[in-house]
Amino acid sequence: MSQIPNCPQCASAFSYADGDLYICPECGHEWSASAAGDVVAVDDVLSVKDASGNLLSDGDSVTVIKDLKVKGSSLVVKVGTKVKNIRLIEGDHDIDCKIEGIGPMKLKSEFVRKA
């Protein structure tokens, strides 16, 4: 039986194998089984680009370039709305933010432009 490696991010010994991936239940980090033998851990840097192709990072300010309907509400995020202090996340909606007058939201990077 093979030895399952510790998590490269938090060094937790509770990692487990799931198909071709190793998963850490403590920090949620996932890495491939083929990369587990590497001594140097690769940083998982999330690269997200806005509608113009500019690279976004955590803490940036962005401007909405299209009217966006808020799901489950009659509210609309208007064109030109400035969103400050964004946070990048993985997934289809890759920007997590708080919009004044609406509250916390997740946005797609294709509908924003770096301010």
N, C-alpha and C. Protein backbone atom coordinates (compact mmCIF):
# COMPACT_ATOMS: atom_id res chain seq x y z
N MET A 1 0.84 -1.18 0.00
CA MET A 1 0.00 0.00 0.00
C MET A 1 0.89 1.25 0.00
N SER A 2 0.57 2.21 -0.85
CA SER A 2 1.40 3.39 -0.97
C SER A 2 1.12 4.39 0.15
N GLN A 3 2.13 5.16 0.46
CA GLN A 3 2.03 6.19 1.50
C GLN A 3 1.42 7.45 0.89
N ILE A 4 0.36 7.98 1.50
CA ILE A 4 -0.27 9.21 1.02
C ILE A 4 0.52 10.39 1.59
N PRO A 5 0.95 11.33 0.72
CA PRO A 5 1.77 12.45 1.20
C PRO A 5 0.97 13.46 2.01
N ASN A 6 1.69 14.20 2.84
CA ASN A 6 1.07 15.29 3.59
C ASN A 6 0.70 16.42 2.63
N CYS A 7 -0.22 17.26 3.06
CA CYS A 7 -0.66 18.40 2.25
C CYS A 7 0.51 19.36 2.04
N PRO A 8 0.79 19.78 0.79
CA PRO A 8 1.89 20.72 0.55
C PRO A 8 1.61 22.14 1.05
N GLN A 9 0.34 22.48 1.31
CA GLN A 9 0.02 23.82 1.79
C GLN A 9 0.07 23.93 3.30
N CYS A 10 -0.61 23.01 4.01
CA CYS A 10 -0.70 23.14 5.46
C CYS A 10 0.02 22.01 6.20
N ALA A 11 0.61 21.08 5.48
CA ALA A 11 1.37 19.95 6.05
C ALA A 11 0.51 19.02 6.89
N SER A 12 -0.78 18.99 6.63
CA SER A 12 -1.69 18.11 7.37
C SER A 12 -1.44 16.65 6.97
N ALA A 13 -1.50 15.77 7.94
CA ALA A 13 -1.30 14.35 7.69
C ALA A 13 -2.61 13.64 7.35
N PHE A 14 -3.72 14.37 7.31
CA PHE A 14 -5.03 13.76 7.09
C PHE A 14 -5.48 13.80 5.64
N SER A 15 -4.56 14.01 4.70
CA SER A 15 -4.93 14.03 3.29
C SER A 15 -5.35 12.64 2.84
N TYR A 16 -6.18 12.61 1.78
CA TYR A 16 -6.66 11.32 1.26
C TYR A 16 -6.70 11.37 -0.26
N ALA A 17 -6.72 10.18 -0.85
CA ALA A 17 -6.73 10.06 -2.30
C ALA A 17 -8.17 9.97 -2.79
N ASP A 18 -8.45 10.65 -3.91
CA ASP A 18 -9.76 10.59 -4.55
C ASP A 18 -9.52 10.52 -6.05
N GLY A 19 -9.46 9.32 -6.57
CA GLY A 19 -9.16 9.15 -7.99
C GLY A 19 -7.71 9.54 -8.27
N ASP A 20 -7.51 10.51 -9.16
CA ASP A 20 -6.17 10.98 -9.51
C ASP A 20 -5.74 12.17 -8.65
N LEU A 21 -6.53 12.55 -7.68
CA LEU A 21 -6.22 13.71 -6.85
C LEU A 21 -5.99 13.32 -5.40
N TYR A 22 -5.19 14.13 -4.71
CA TYR A 22 -5.09 14.06 -3.27
C TYR A 22 -5.82 15.28 -2.73
N ILE A 23 -6.55 15.13 -1.63
CA ILE A 23 -7.35 16.20 -1.07
C ILE A 23 -7.03 16.34 0.41
N CYS A 24 -6.90 17.58 0.87
CA CYS A 24 -6.68 17.87 2.28
C CYS A 24 -8.01 18.33 2.89
N PRO A 25 -8.56 17.61 3.87
CA PRO A 25 -9.84 18.02 4.45
C PRO A 25 -9.72 19.24 5.37
N GLU A 26 -8.53 19.58 5.79
CA GLU A 26 -8.37 20.70 6.71
C GLU A 26 -8.34 22.05 5.99
N CYS A 27 -7.58 22.15 4.89
CA CYS A 27 -7.49 23.44 4.19
C CYS A 27 -8.22 23.42 2.85
N GLY A 28 -8.63 22.22 2.36
CA GLY A 28 -9.37 22.12 1.11
C GLY A 28 -8.49 22.11 -0.12
N HIS A 29 -7.17 22.06 0.06
CA HIS A 29 -6.25 22.06 -1.08
C HIS A 29 -6.32 20.73 -1.82
N GLU A 30 -6.30 20.79 -3.17
CA GLU A 30 -6.29 19.60 -4.01
C GLU A 30 -5.05 19.63 -4.88
N TRP A 31 -4.41 18.49 -5.05
CA TRP A 31 -3.25 18.42 -5.94
C TRP A 31 -3.25 17.07 -6.61
N SER A 32 -2.60 16.99 -7.77
CA SER A 32 -2.63 15.76 -8.55
C SER A 32 -1.65 14.74 -7.98
N ALA A 33 -1.97 13.49 -8.20
CA ALA A 33 -1.14 12.40 -7.69
C ALA A 33 0.21 12.39 -8.40
N SER A 34 0.26 12.81 -9.67
CA SER A 34 1.52 12.83 -10.40
C SER A 34 2.45 13.92 -9.88
N ALA A 35 1.90 15.00 -9.34
CA ALA A 35 2.72 16.09 -8.80
C ALA A 35 3.09 15.85 -7.35
N ALA A 36 2.55 14.82 -6.73
CA ALA A 36 2.81 14.55 -5.31
C ALA A 36 4.26 14.16 -5.07
N GLY A 37 4.92 13.59 -6.06
CA GLY A 37 6.31 13.18 -5.89
C GLY A 37 7.28 14.34 -5.97
N ASP A 38 6.85 15.48 -6.47
CA ASP A 38 7.72 16.65 -6.58
C ASP A 38 8.04 17.19 -5.19
N VAL A 39 9.27 17.56 -4.99
CA VAL A 39 9.70 18.10 -3.70
C VAL A 39 9.24 19.54 -3.54
N VAL A 40 9.28 20.30 -4.63
CA VAL A 40 8.90 21.70 -4.57
C VAL A 40 7.40 21.82 -4.85
N ALA A 41 6.69 22.46 -3.93
CA ALA A 41 5.26 22.68 -4.11
C ALA A 41 5.05 23.89 -5.02
N VAL A 42 4.15 23.77 -5.97
CA VAL A 42 3.86 24.85 -6.89
C VAL A 42 2.73 25.68 -6.31
N ASP A 43 2.92 27.01 -6.28
CA ASP A 43 1.87 27.88 -5.78
C ASP A 43 0.70 27.85 -6.75
N ASP A 44 -0.50 27.73 -6.20
CA ASP A 44 -1.70 27.76 -7.01
C ASP A 44 -2.16 29.20 -7.12
N VAL A 45 -1.56 29.92 -8.06
CA VAL A 45 -1.90 31.31 -8.27
C VAL A 45 -3.06 31.37 -9.24
N LEU A 46 -4.12 32.00 -8.82
CA LEU A 46 -5.32 32.11 -9.63
C LEU A 46 -5.17 33.30 -10.56
N SER A 47 -5.17 33.07 -11.87
CA SER A 47 -5.05 34.18 -12.82
C SER A 47 -6.41 34.42 -13.44
N VAL A 48 -6.95 35.61 -13.19
CA VAL A 48 -8.26 35.99 -13.70
C VAL A 48 -8.08 37.28 -14.49
N LYS A 49 -8.67 37.30 -15.69
CA LYS A 49 -8.58 38.49 -16.54
C LYS A 49 -9.96 39.11 -16.70
N ASP A 50 -9.99 40.44 -16.79
CA ASP A 50 -11.25 41.14 -16.98
C ASP A 50 -11.65 41.12 -18.46
N ALA A 51 -12.69 41.85 -18.81
CA ALA A 51 -13.20 41.86 -20.19
C ALA A 51 -12.19 42.43 -21.18
N SER A 52 -11.29 43.29 -20.72
CA SER A 52 -10.27 43.89 -21.59
C SER A 52 -8.98 43.08 -21.65
N GLY A 53 -8.89 42.04 -20.84
CA GLY A 53 -7.69 41.21 -20.82
C GLY A 53 -6.68 41.60 -19.77
N ASN A 54 -7.02 42.56 -18.90
CA ASN A 54 -6.12 42.95 -17.82
C ASN A 54 -6.17 41.92 -16.70
N LEU A 55 -5.02 41.64 -16.12
CA LEU A 55 -4.94 40.67 -15.04
C LEU A 55 -5.47 41.29 -13.75
N LEU A 56 -6.40 40.60 -13.09
CA LEU A 56 -6.98 41.07 -11.83
C LEU A 56 -6.28 40.41 -10.65
N SER A 57 -6.30 41.08 -9.51
CA SER A 57 -5.75 40.51 -8.28
C SER A 57 -6.64 40.91 -7.11
N ASP A 58 -6.45 40.24 -5.98
CA ASP A 58 -7.24 40.54 -4.79
C ASP A 58 -7.04 42.00 -4.39
N GLY A 59 -8.13 42.67 -4.00
CA GLY A 59 -8.06 44.05 -3.55
C GLY A 59 -8.23 45.08 -4.65
N ASP A 60 -8.31 44.66 -5.91
CA ASP A 60 -8.50 45.61 -7.01
C ASP A 60 -9.90 46.21 -6.98
N SER A 61 -10.06 47.30 -7.70
CA SER A 61 -11.37 47.91 -7.93
C SER A 61 -11.74 47.66 -9.38
N VAL A 62 -13.00 47.33 -9.63
CA VAL A 62 -13.47 47.06 -10.98
C VAL A 62 -14.75 47.84 -11.24
N THR A 63 -15.08 48.01 -12.52
CA THR A 63 -16.30 48.67 -12.94
C THR A 63 -17.12 47.69 -13.76
N VAL A 64 -18.43 47.63 -13.50
CA VAL A 64 -19.33 46.74 -14.22
C VAL A 64 -19.57 47.33 -15.61
N ILE A 65 -19.50 46.49 -16.66
CA ILE A 65 -19.64 46.98 -18.04
C ILE A 65 -20.97 46.58 -18.68
N LYS A 66 -21.86 45.92 -17.92
CA LYS A 66 -23.14 45.48 -18.47
C LYS A 66 -24.15 45.46 -17.33
N ASP A 67 -25.41 45.81 -17.60
CA ASP A 67 -26.44 45.68 -16.58
C ASP A 67 -26.58 44.21 -16.20
N LEU A 68 -26.51 43.94 -14.90
CA LEU A 68 -26.59 42.56 -14.41
C LEU A 68 -27.79 42.41 -13.49
N LYS A 69 -28.70 41.49 -13.83
CA LYS A 69 -29.84 41.21 -12.96
C LYS A 69 -29.37 40.39 -11.78
N VAL A 70 -29.89 40.70 -10.59
CA VAL A 70 -29.56 39.95 -9.39
C VAL A 70 -30.56 38.81 -9.28
N LYS A 71 -30.06 37.59 -9.29
CA LYS A 71 -30.91 36.41 -9.28
C LYS A 71 -31.74 36.37 -8.01
N GLY A 72 -33.05 36.14 -8.13
CA GLY A 72 -33.93 36.03 -6.99
C GLY A 72 -34.37 37.37 -6.44
N SER A 73 -34.13 38.43 -7.19
CA SER A 73 -34.48 39.77 -6.73
C SER A 73 -34.84 40.62 -7.93
N SER A 74 -35.46 41.78 -7.66
CA SER A 74 -35.78 42.70 -8.75
C SER A 74 -34.68 43.74 -8.92
N LEU A 75 -33.60 43.63 -8.16
CA LEU A 75 -32.50 44.57 -8.24
C LEU A 75 -31.66 44.36 -9.49
N VAL A 76 -31.00 45.43 -9.95
CA VAL A 76 -30.11 45.37 -11.11
C VAL A 76 -28.83 46.11 -10.76
N VAL A 77 -27.69 45.51 -11.07
CA VAL A 77 -26.40 46.19 -10.94
C VAL A 77 -26.19 46.94 -12.26
N LYS A 78 -26.19 48.27 -12.20
CA LYS A 78 -26.14 49.10 -13.40
C LYS A 78 -24.74 49.19 -13.99
N VAL A 79 -24.68 49.51 -15.27
CA VAL A 79 -23.42 49.76 -15.97
C VAL A 79 -22.70 50.91 -15.27
N GLY A 80 -21.41 50.78 -15.06
CA GLY A 80 -20.62 51.84 -14.44
C GLY A 80 -20.52 51.74 -12.93
N THR A 81 -21.19 50.76 -12.32
CA THR A 81 -21.10 50.58 -10.88
C THR A 81 -19.67 50.19 -10.53
N LYS A 82 -19.07 50.92 -9.60
CA LYS A 82 -17.69 50.63 -9.19
C LYS A 82 -17.72 49.70 -7.98
N VAL A 83 -16.95 48.64 -8.06
CA VAL A 83 -16.87 47.65 -6.99
C VAL A 83 -15.44 47.68 -6.47
N LYS A 84 -15.30 47.93 -5.17
CA LYS A 84 -13.98 48.05 -4.56
C LYS A 84 -13.62 46.78 -3.81
N ASN A 85 -12.33 46.55 -3.69
CA ASN A 85 -11.79 45.48 -2.85
C ASN A 85 -12.36 44.11 -3.20
N ILE A 86 -12.14 43.68 -4.43
CA ILE A 86 -12.63 42.37 -4.87
C ILE A 86 -11.75 41.25 -4.32
N ARG A 87 -12.30 40.04 -4.30
CA ARG A 87 -11.54 38.86 -3.90
C ARG A 87 -11.75 37.81 -4.99
N LEU A 88 -10.66 37.23 -5.46
CA LEU A 88 -10.73 36.23 -6.53
C LEU A 88 -10.95 34.85 -5.94
N ILE A 89 -11.85 34.10 -6.56
CA ILE A 89 -12.17 32.74 -6.12
C ILE A 89 -12.21 31.84 -7.34
N GLU A 90 -12.21 30.54 -7.12
CA GLU A 90 -12.31 29.59 -8.22
C GLU A 90 -13.78 29.34 -8.53
N GLY A 91 -14.06 29.01 -9.76
CA GLY A 91 -15.41 28.69 -10.16
C GLY A 91 -15.88 29.52 -11.34
N ASP A 92 -17.14 29.35 -11.69
CA ASP A 92 -17.74 30.06 -12.82
C ASP A 92 -17.81 31.56 -12.53
N HIS A 93 -18.30 31.92 -11.36
CA HIS A 93 -18.31 33.31 -10.90
C HIS A 93 -17.04 33.50 -10.09
N ASP A 94 -16.02 34.11 -10.70
CA ASP A 94 -14.70 34.11 -10.10
C ASP A 94 -14.33 35.36 -9.31
N ILE A 95 -15.30 36.26 -9.08
CA ILE A 95 -15.05 37.45 -8.26
C ILE A 95 -16.07 37.48 -7.13
N ASP A 96 -15.57 37.59 -5.91
CA ASP A 96 -16.41 37.71 -4.73
C ASP A 96 -16.27 39.15 -4.24
N CYS A 97 -17.39 39.84 -4.04
CA CYS A 97 -17.32 41.25 -3.68
C CYS A 97 -18.55 41.67 -2.89
N LYS A 98 -18.55 42.92 -2.46
CA LYS A 98 -19.68 43.51 -1.78
C LYS A 98 -20.03 44.80 -2.52
N ILE A 99 -21.27 44.89 -3.01
CA ILE A 99 -21.71 46.04 -3.77
C ILE A 99 -22.62 46.89 -2.89
N GLU A 100 -22.30 48.19 -2.81
CA GLU A 100 -23.10 49.08 -1.98
C GLU A 100 -24.55 49.11 -2.47
N GLY A 101 -25.49 49.00 -1.54
CA GLY A 101 -26.90 49.02 -1.86
C GLY A 101 -27.47 47.67 -2.22
N ILE A 102 -26.62 46.70 -2.47
CA ILE A 102 -27.08 45.36 -2.85
C ILE A 102 -26.59 44.32 -1.84
N GLY A 103 -25.29 44.36 -1.51
CA GLY A 103 -24.72 43.42 -0.56
C GLY A 103 -23.71 42.50 -1.20
N PRO A 104 -23.40 41.38 -0.54
CA PRO A 104 -22.39 40.47 -1.07
C PRO A 104 -22.87 39.79 -2.36
N MET A 105 -21.96 39.69 -3.34
CA MET A 105 -22.29 39.08 -4.63
C MET A 105 -21.08 38.37 -5.20
N LYS A 106 -21.34 37.51 -6.15
CA LYS A 106 -20.30 36.88 -6.95
C LYS A 106 -20.52 37.32 -8.38
N LEU A 107 -19.44 37.74 -9.04
CA LEU A 107 -19.52 38.23 -10.41
C LEU A 107 -18.63 37.41 -11.33
N LYS A 108 -18.96 37.43 -12.61
CA LYS A 108 -18.09 36.84 -13.61
C LYS A 108 -17.14 37.92 -14.10
N SER A 109 -15.89 37.54 -14.29
CA SER A 109 -14.87 38.52 -14.70
C SER A 109 -15.12 39.06 -16.10
N GLU A 110 -15.89 38.38 -16.91
CA GLU A 110 -16.15 38.84 -18.27
C GLU A 110 -17.07 40.06 -18.31
N PHE A 111 -17.71 40.40 -17.17
CA PHE A 111 -18.62 41.54 -17.12
C PHE A 111 -18.05 42.72 -16.34
N VAL A 112 -16.75 42.71 -16.07
CA VAL A 112 -16.12 43.81 -15.35
C VAL A 112 -14.87 44.28 -16.07
N ARG A 113 -14.46 45.51 -15.76
CA ARG A 113 -13.23 46.07 -16.30
C ARG A 113 -12.47 46.68 -15.13
N LYS A 114 -11.18 46.49 -15.11
CA LYS A 114 -10.35 47.01 -14.03
C LYS A 114 -10.43 48.53 -14.01
N ALA A 115 -10.63 49.09 -12.82
CA ALA A 115 -10.77 50.56 -12.69
C ALA A 115 -9.43 51.21 -12.42
